[in-house]
Amino acid sequence: GAVPGYGGETPGKPSDREYTYTFAGWTPEVAEAWADAVYTAAYNAVPVTYDVVWENWDETVLDSTEINAGETPVYSGETPVKPADSYNTYDFVGWLPEAAPVYDDVVYVADYAATAITYTVTWQDWDGTVLETGTVNAGAVPGFGGETPIRPEDEEYTYTFAGWTPEVAEAWADAVYTAVYNAVPVTYTVTWQNWDGTVLETDAVNAGAVPGYGGETPGKPSDRE
């Protein structure tokens, strides 16, 4: 008929990854003794919580929360953004590490896919004819992939390819490069001869130029008449 009482130290139950435990009494409820009895310590389970932080690429904190052990965190803020730089634009693709049940404090960092910024490069000949058009990543130096440009000769000059104008440089905007040529004058041979076919002088003269005789004044011997 007496009500038994426990006389030892308060029972304890070790924490695990998910819970800590506080003693909550006995089961069944302690009552008058009318037979042998076994009472088992009962505990309240208190979830272990961990800190979850969501950061952007620059370590800016986007969100933070506490989450019970074993739960998988879910980000509830606005979609993270990483601004474009001189070379790339960026698209949010998820988090690093990938979200999973947590059993420790964790920091998730926004992950982005980079898309190269490209510019259009046009290569044209001296007369504006487009030789090649392509794209190049920002900051890269474009290269002409076609055959060496050719400019037909005219009456006064032949032409040899000399490069591009402006000088080819890193791409930070759309660009047009125009072929430039060295002009080599076309020359003709001018022969000066005397009345009897004797060659007095031979000159090379540029096309379109007026030749000039640079020798001594020609002479023709007198005859009987």
C-alpha atoms as a PDB file:
ATOM      1  CA  GLY A   1       0.000   0.000   0.000  1.00  0.00           C
ATOM      2  CA  ALA A   2       2.986   2.344   0.272  1.00  0.00           C
ATOM      3  CA  VAL A   3       4.031   4.518  -2.643  1.00  0.00           C
ATOM      4  CA  PRO A   4       7.645   3.727  -3.576  1.00  0.00           C
ATOM      5  CA  GLY A   5      10.156   6.472  -4.145  1.00  0.00           C
ATOM      6  CA  TYR A   6      13.395   6.463  -6.153  1.00  0.00           C
ATOM      7  CA  GLY A   7      16.387   7.365  -4.038  1.00  0.00           C
ATOM      8  CA  GLY A   8      19.231   7.451  -6.589  1.00  0.00           C
ATOM      9  CA  GLU A   9      20.647  10.224  -8.776  1.00  0.00           C
ATOM     10  CA  THR A  10      18.478  11.611 -11.531  1.00  0.00           C
ATOM     11  CA  PRO A  11      18.761   9.226 -14.475  1.00  0.00           C
ATOM     12  CA  GLY A  12      20.362  10.428 -17.674  1.00  0.00           C
ATOM     13  CA  LYS A  13      20.292   9.388 -21.275  1.00  0.00           C
ATOM     14  CA  PRO A  14      23.243  10.328 -23.559  1.00  0.00           C
ATOM     15  CA  SER A  15      22.614  12.699 -26.443  1.00  0.00           C
ATOM     16  CA  ASP A  16      22.784  11.337 -29.963  1.00  0.00           C
ATOM     17  CA  ARG A  17      23.118  13.126 -33.300  1.00  0.00           C
ATOM     18  CA  GLU A  18      19.469  14.133 -33.327  1.00  0.00           C
ATOM     19  CA  TYR A  19      18.367  14.652 -29.723  1.00  0.00           C
ATOM     20  CA  THR A  20      19.328  15.548 -26.200  1.00  0.00           C
ATOM     21  CA  TYR A  21      17.253  13.978 -23.426  1.00  0.00           C
ATOM     22  CA  THR A  22      15.831  15.312 -20.178  1.00  0.00           C
ATOM     23  CA  PHE A  23      14.455  13.043 -17.485  1.00  0.00           C
ATOM     24  CA  ALA A  24      10.644  13.180 -17.485  1.00  0.00           C
ATOM     25  CA  GLY A  25       9.680  10.698 -14.764  1.00  0.00           C
ATOM     26  CA  TRP A  26       8.797   7.054 -14.679  1.00  0.00           C
ATOM     27  CA  THR A  27       6.632   4.708 -16.604  1.00  0.00           C
ATOM     28  CA  PRO A  28       4.232   3.417 -15.583  1.00  0.00           C
ATOM     29  CA  GLU A  29       3.262   6.230 -13.222  1.00  0.00           C
ATOM     30  CA  VAL A  30       4.435   5.442  -9.687  1.00  0.00           C
ATOM     31  CA  ALA A  31       1.549   4.171  -7.541  1.00  0.00           C
ATOM     32  CA  GLU A  32       0.806   2.272  -4.311  1.00  0.00           C
ATOM     33  CA  ALA A  33       2.563  -1.041  -4.215  1.00  0.00           C
ATOM     34  CA  TRP A  34       0.179  -4.005  -4.388  1.00  0.00           C
ATOM     35  CA  ALA A  35       2.579  -6.193  -6.380  1.00  0.00           C
ATOM     36  CA  ASP A  36       6.182  -6.285  -7.551  1.00  0.00           C
ATOM     37  CA  ALA A  37       6.752  -3.410  -9.961  1.00  0.00           C
ATOM     38  CA  VAL A  38       9.316  -2.221 -12.493  1.00  0.00           C
ATOM     39  CA  TYR A  39       9.545   1.459 -13.272  1.00  0.00           C
ATOM     40  CA  THR A  40      11.416   2.650 -16.325  1.00  0.00           C
ATOM     41  CA  ALA A  41      12.895   6.096 -16.657  1.00  0.00           C
ATOM     42  CA  ALA A  42      11.153   8.189 -19.310  1.00  0.00           C
ATOM     43  CA  TYR A  43      12.749  11.104 -21.157  1.00  0.00           C
ATOM     44  CA  ASN A  44      11.711  14.103 -23.169  1.00  0.00           C
ATOM     45  CA  ALA A  45      13.605  14.238 -26.455  1.00  0.00           C
ATOM     46  CA  VAL A  46      14.833  17.739 -27.320  1.00  0.00           C
ATOM     47  CA  PRO A  47      15.917  18.038 -30.942  1.00  0.00           C
ATOM     48  CA  VAL A  48      19.528  19.035 -31.519  1.00  0.00           C
ATOM     49  CA  THR A  49      19.610  22.108 -33.752  1.00  0.00           C
ATOM     50  CA  TYR A  50      22.308  23.311 -36.097  1.00  0.00           C
ATOM     51  CA  ASP A  51      22.988  26.651 -37.705  1.00  0.00           C
ATOM     52  CA  VAL A  52      22.463  26.795 -41.465  1.00  0.00           C
ATOM     53  CA  VAL A  53      23.864  29.762 -43.381  1.00  0.00           C
ATOM     54  CA  TRP A  54      23.287  30.506 -47.069  1.00  0.00           C
ATOM     55  CA  GLU A  55      25.982  32.683 -48.630  1.00  0.00           C
ATOM     56  CA  ASN A  56      26.431  34.290 -52.003  1.00  0.00           C
ATOM     57  CA  TRP A  57      29.643  34.003 -54.052  1.00  0.00           C
ATOM     58  CA  ASP A  58      31.104  37.049 -52.243  1.00  0.00           C
ATOM     59  CA  GLU A  59      30.313  35.651 -48.753  1.00  0.00           C
ATOM     60  CA  THR A  60      27.291  37.922 -48.379  1.00  0.00           C
ATOM     61  CA  VAL A  61      24.817  36.160 -46.054  1.00  0.00           C
ATOM     62  CA  LEU A  62      21.569  35.621 -47.941  1.00  0.00           C
ATOM     63  CA  ASP A  63      19.730  33.741 -45.198  1.00  0.00           C
ATOM     64  CA  SER A  64      20.400  31.920 -41.929  1.00  0.00           C
ATOM     65  CA  THR A  65      18.315  29.658 -39.736  1.00  0.00           C
ATOM     66  CA  GLU A  66      18.382  26.879 -37.174  1.00  0.00           C
ATOM     67  CA  ILE A  67      17.292  23.441 -38.256  1.00  0.00           C
ATOM     68  CA  ASN A  68      16.697  20.236 -36.382  1.00  0.00           C
ATOM     69  CA  ALA A  69      19.288  17.532 -36.777  1.00  0.00           C
ATOM     70  CA  GLY A  70      18.493  15.142 -39.591  1.00  0.00           C
ATOM     71  CA  GLU A  71      16.356  17.604 -41.513  1.00  0.00           C
ATOM     72  CA  THR A  72      17.304  18.795 -44.988  1.00  0.00           C
ATOM     73  CA  PRO A  73      17.458  22.594 -45.193  1.00  0.00           C
ATOM     74  CA  VAL A  74      15.578  24.460 -47.897  1.00  0.00           C
ATOM     75  CA  TYR A  75      16.557  27.939 -49.031  1.00  0.00           C
ATOM     76  CA  SER A  76      13.559  30.267 -49.014  1.00  0.00           C
ATOM     77  CA  GLY A  77      15.083  33.585 -50.081  1.00  0.00           C
ATOM     78  CA  GLU A  78      15.283  35.268 -53.444  1.00  0.00           C
ATOM     79  CA  THR A  79      17.285  33.600 -56.185  1.00  0.00           C
ATOM     80  CA  PRO A  80      20.943  34.540 -55.723  1.00  0.00           C
ATOM     81  CA  VAL A  81      22.547  36.786 -58.310  1.00  0.00           C
ATOM     82  CA  LYS A  82      26.141  37.246 -59.385  1.00  0.00           C
ATOM     83  CA  PRO A  83      26.749  40.298 -61.568  1.00  0.00           C
ATOM     84  CA  ALA A  84      28.480  39.986 -64.896  1.00  0.00           C
ATOM     85  CA  ASP A  85      32.127  40.982 -65.098  1.00  0.00           C
ATOM     86  CA  SER A  86      34.268  41.887 -68.085  1.00  0.00           C
ATOM     87  CA  TYR A  87      34.553  38.257 -69.171  1.00  0.00           C
ATOM     88  CA  ASN A  88      31.375  36.360 -68.189  1.00  0.00           C
ATOM     89  CA  THR A  89      27.729  36.447 -67.238  1.00  0.00           C
ATOM     90  CA  TYR A  90      26.590  34.118 -64.460  1.00  0.00           C
ATOM     91  CA  ASP A  91      23.519  31.927 -63.917  1.00  0.00           C
ATOM     92  CA  PHE A  92      22.633  30.452 -60.529  1.00  0.00           C
ATOM     93  CA  VAL A  93      22.699  26.648 -60.655  1.00  0.00           C
ATOM     94  CA  GLY A  94      22.403  25.543 -57.028  1.00  0.00           C
ATOM     95  CA  TRP A  95      24.388  25.261 -53.832  1.00  0.00           C
ATOM     96  CA  LEU A  96      27.725  23.891 -52.712  1.00  0.00           C
ATOM     97  CA  PRO A  97      27.677  21.490 -51.027  1.00  0.00           C
ATOM     98  CA  GLU A  98      24.391  19.981 -52.209  1.00  0.00           C
ATOM     99  CA  ALA A  99      21.691  20.260 -49.521  1.00  0.00           C
ATOM    100  CA  ALA A 100      21.438  17.098 -47.383  1.00  0.00           C
ATOM    101  CA  PRO A 101      20.290  16.099 -43.866  1.00  0.00           C
ATOM    102  CA  VAL A 102      22.365  18.135 -41.415  1.00  0.00           C
ATOM    103  CA  TYR A 103      24.199  16.834 -38.392  1.00  0.00           C
ATOM    104  CA  ASP A 104      26.481  19.820 -37.903  1.00  0.00           C
ATOM    105  CA  ASP A 105      26.571  23.550 -38.538  1.00  0.00           C
ATOM    106  CA  VAL A 106      26.800  24.107 -42.277  1.00  0.00           C
ATOM    107  CA  VAL A 107      27.394  26.918 -44.758  1.00  0.00           C
ATOM    108  CA  TYR A 108      25.983  26.649 -48.274  1.00  0.00           C
ATOM    109  CA  VAL A 109      27.507  28.803 -50.996  1.00  0.00           C
ATOM    110  CA  ALA A 110      25.657  29.804 -54.158  1.00  0.00           C
ATOM    111  CA  ASP A 111      27.079  28.131 -57.258  1.00  0.00           C
ATOM    112  CA  TYR A 112      26.998  29.718 -60.714  1.00  0.00           C
ATOM    113  CA  ALA A 113      27.580  28.643 -64.295  1.00  0.00           C
ATOM    114  CA  ALA A 114      29.712  31.111 -66.222  1.00  0.00           C
ATOM    115  CA  THR A 115      28.823  32.040 -69.798  1.00  0.00           C
ATOM    116  CA  ALA A 116      31.573  33.791 -71.711  1.00  0.00           C
ATOM    117  CA  ILE A 117      30.769  37.233 -73.099  1.00  0.00           C
ATOM    118  CA  THR A 118      31.469  37.201 -76.824  1.00  0.00           C
ATOM    119  CA  TYR A 119      31.966  39.910 -79.410  1.00  0.00           C
ATOM    120  CA  THR A 120      31.572  39.901 -83.181  1.00  0.00           C
ATOM    121  CA  VAL A 121      34.725  40.375 -85.217  1.00  0.00           C
ATOM    122  CA  THR A 122      34.496  41.227 -88.912  1.00  0.00           C
ATOM    123  CA  TRP A 123      37.454  40.986 -91.254  1.00  0.00           C
ATOM    124  CA  GLN A 124      37.097  42.968 -94.486  1.00  0.00           C
ATOM    125  CA  ASP A 125      39.202  43.680 -97.526  1.00  0.00           C
ATOM    126  CA  TRP A 126      40.396  47.079 -98.713  1.00  0.00           C
ATOM    127  CA  ASP A 127      37.206  47.564-100.728  1.00  0.00           C
ATOM    128  CA  GLY A 128      34.840  46.648 -97.871  1.00  0.00           C
ATOM    129  CA  THR A 129      34.295  43.062 -98.998  1.00  0.00           C
ATOM    130  CA  VAL A 130      33.685  40.889 -95.931  1.00  0.00           C
ATOM    131  CA  LEU A 131      36.323  38.169 -95.801  1.00  0.00           C
ATOM    132  CA  GLU A 132      35.263  36.499 -92.531  1.00  0.00           C
ATOM    133  CA  THR A 133      32.956  37.075 -89.574  1.00  0.00           C
ATOM    134  CA  GLY A 134      33.225  35.296 -86.235  1.00  0.00           C
ATOM    135  CA  THR A 135      32.881  35.641 -82.494  1.00  0.00           C
ATOM    136  CA  VAL A 136      35.571  35.798 -79.859  1.00  0.00           C
ATOM    137  CA  ASN A 137      35.454  35.637 -76.069  1.00  0.00           C
ATOM    138  CA  ALA A 138      35.909  38.871 -74.188  1.00  0.00           C
ATOM    139  CA  GLY A 139      39.569  39.564 -73.556  1.00  0.00           C
ATOM    140  CA  ALA A 140      40.807  37.139 -76.216  1.00  0.00           C
ATOM    141  CA  VAL A 141      42.835  38.287 -79.212  1.00  0.00           C
ATOM    142  CA  PRO A 142      40.978  37.390 -82.432  1.00  0.00           C
ATOM    143  CA  GLY A 143      42.737  35.752 -85.340  1.00  0.00           C
ATOM    144  CA  PHE A 144      41.859  35.738 -89.027  1.00  0.00           C
ATOM    145  CA  GLY A 145      41.273  32.190 -90.194  1.00  0.00           C
ATOM    146  CA  GLY A 146      41.024  32.673 -93.934  1.00  0.00           C
ATOM    147  CA  GLU A 147      43.596  32.768 -96.700  1.00  0.00           C
ATOM    148  CA  THR A 148      45.934  35.734 -96.972  1.00  0.00           C
ATOM    149  CA  PRO A 149      43.978  38.598 -98.548  1.00  0.00           C
ATOM    150  CA  ILE A 150      44.881  39.650-102.070  1.00  0.00           C
ATOM    151  CA  ARG A 151      44.413  43.000-103.766  1.00  0.00           C
ATOM    152  CA  PRO A 152      44.569  42.945-107.574  1.00  0.00           C
ATOM    153  CA  GLU A 153      47.202  45.097-109.210  1.00  0.00           C
ATOM    154  CA  ASP A 154      46.122  48.134-111.202  1.00  0.00           C
ATOM    155  CA  GLU A 155      47.870  50.201-113.860  1.00  0.00           C
ATOM    156  CA  GLU A 156      50.151  51.900-111.355  1.00  0.00           C
ATOM    157  CA  TYR A 157      50.711  49.441-108.469  1.00  0.00           C
ATOM    158  CA  THR A 158      50.955  45.870-107.340  1.00  0.00           C
ATOM    159  CA  TYR A 159      49.979  45.179-103.721  1.00  0.00           C
ATOM    160  CA  THR A 160      51.316  42.976-100.937  1.00  0.00           C
ATOM    161  CA  PHE A 161      49.302  42.258 -97.805  1.00  0.00           C
ATOM    162  CA  ALA A 162      50.742  44.155 -94.818  1.00  0.00           C
ATOM    163  CA  GLY A 163      48.327  43.388 -91.970  1.00  0.00           C
ATOM    164  CA  TRP A 164      45.169  44.870 -90.489  1.00  0.00           C
ATOM    165  CA  THR A 165      43.910  48.223 -89.387  1.00  0.00           C
ATOM    166  CA  PRO A 166      43.349  48.941 -86.601  1.00  0.00           C
ATOM    167  CA  GLU A 167      46.024  46.741 -85.021  1.00  0.00           C
ATOM    168  CA  VAL A 168      44.485  43.483 -83.781  1.00  0.00           C
ATOM    169  CA  ALA A 169      43.981  43.601 -80.007  1.00  0.00           C
ATOM    170  CA  GLU A 170      42.030  42.003 -77.148  1.00  0.00           C
ATOM    171  CA  ALA A 171      38.283  41.995 -77.779  1.00  0.00           C
ATOM    172  CA  TRP A 172      36.302  44.254 -75.447  1.00  0.00           C
ATOM    173  CA  ALA A 173      33.692  45.269 -78.034  1.00  0.00           C
ATOM    174  CA  ASP A 174      32.580  44.335 -81.545  1.00  0.00           C
ATOM    175  CA  ALA A 175      35.383  45.100 -83.995  1.00  0.00           C
ATOM    176  CA  VAL A 176      35.985  45.514 -87.726  1.00  0.00           C
ATOM    177  CA  TYR A 177      39.475  44.935 -89.105  1.00  0.00           C
ATOM    178  CA  THR A 178      40.395  46.054 -92.616  1.00  0.00           C
ATOM    179  CA  ALA A 179      43.190  44.550 -94.689  1.00  0.00           C
ATOM    180  CA  VAL A 180      46.000  46.950 -95.524  1.00  0.00           C
ATOM    181  CA  TYR A 181      48.533  46.596 -98.340  1.00  0.00           C
ATOM    182  CA  ASN A 182      51.911  47.892 -99.310  1.00  0.00           C
ATOM    183  CA  ALA A 183      51.724  49.462-102.766  1.00  0.00           C
ATOM    184  CA  VAL A 184      54.619  48.580-105.043  1.00  0.00           C
ATOM    185  CA  PRO A 185      54.783  50.801-108.134  1.00  0.00           C
ATOM    186  CA  VAL A 186      54.502  49.102-111.499  1.00  0.00           C
ATOM    187  CA  THR A 187      57.585  50.027-113.510  1.00  0.00           C
ATOM    188  CA  TYR A 188      58.196  50.152-117.235  1.00  0.00           C
ATOM    189  CA  THR A 189      61.445  50.137-119.158  1.00  0.00           C
ATOM    190  CA  VAL A 190      62.100  53.244-121.245  1.00  0.00           C
ATOM    191  CA  THR A 191      64.844  52.996-123.825  1.00  0.00           C
ATOM    192  CA  TRP A 192      66.373  56.063-125.486  1.00  0.00           C
ATOM    193  CA  GLN A 193      68.196  55.364-128.727  1.00  0.00           C
ATOM    194  CA  ASN A 194      69.901  57.354-131.385  1.00  0.00           C
ATOM    195  CA  TRP A 195      68.978  57.669-135.010  1.00  0.00           C
ATOM    196  CA  ASP A 196      70.985  54.577-135.844  1.00  0.00           C
ATOM    197  CA  GLY A 197      69.499  52.382-133.114  1.00  0.00           C
ATOM    198  CA  THR A 198      72.365  52.928-130.682  1.00  0.00           C
ATOM    199  CA  VAL A 199      71.004  52.736-127.125  1.00  0.00           C
ATOM    200  CA  LEU A 200      71.788  56.011-125.357  1.00  0.00           C
ATOM    201  CA  GLU A 201      70.087  55.270-122.037  1.00  0.00           C
ATOM    202  CA  THR A 202      67.743  52.771-120.440  1.00  0.00           C
ATOM    203  CA  ASP A 203      65.535  53.784-117.494  1.00  0.00           C
ATOM    204  CA  ALA A 204      62.949  52.157-115.248  1.00  0.00           C
ATOM    205  CA  VAL A 205      60.039  54.529-114.723  1.00  0.00           C
ATOM    206  CA  ASN A 206      56.953  54.178-112.544  1.00  0.00           C
ATOM    207  CA  ALA A 207      53.633  53.744-114.239  1.00  0.00           C
ATOM    208  CA  GLY A 208      52.012  57.106-114.911  1.00  0.00           C
ATOM    209  CA  ALA A 209      55.245  59.038-114.577  1.00  0.00           C
ATOM    210  CA  VAL A 210      56.697  61.055-117.473  1.00  0.00           C
ATOM    211  CA  PRO A 211      60.120  59.669-118.357  1.00  0.00           C
ATOM    212  CA  GLY A 212      63.061  62.032-118.763  1.00  0.00           C
ATOM    213  CA  TYR A 213      66.262  61.558-120.684  1.00  0.00           C
ATOM    214  CA  GLY A 214      69.298  62.054-118.447  1.00  0.00           C
ATOM    215  CA  GLY A 215      72.160  61.461-120.809  1.00  0.00           C
ATOM    216  CA  GLU A 216      74.240  63.699-123.073  1.00  0.00           C
ATOM    217  CA  THR A 217      72.584  65.443-125.922  1.00  0.00           C
ATOM    218  CA  PRO A 218      72.480  62.994-128.830  1.00  0.00           C
ATOM    219  CA  GLY A 219      74.420  63.791-131.961  1.00  0.00           C
ATOM    220  CA  LYS A 220      74.369  62.690-135.552  1.00  0.00           C
ATOM    221  CA  PRO A 221      77.513  63.060-137.703  1.00  0.00           C
ATOM    222  CA  SER A 222      77.406  65.305-140.711  1.00  0.00           C
ATOM    223  CA  ASP A 223      77.377  63.727-144.094  1.00  0.00           C
ATOM    224  CA  ARG A 224      78.359  65.087-147.526  1.00  0.00           C
ATOM    225  CA  GLU A 225      75.003  66.593-148.090  1.00  0.00           C
END
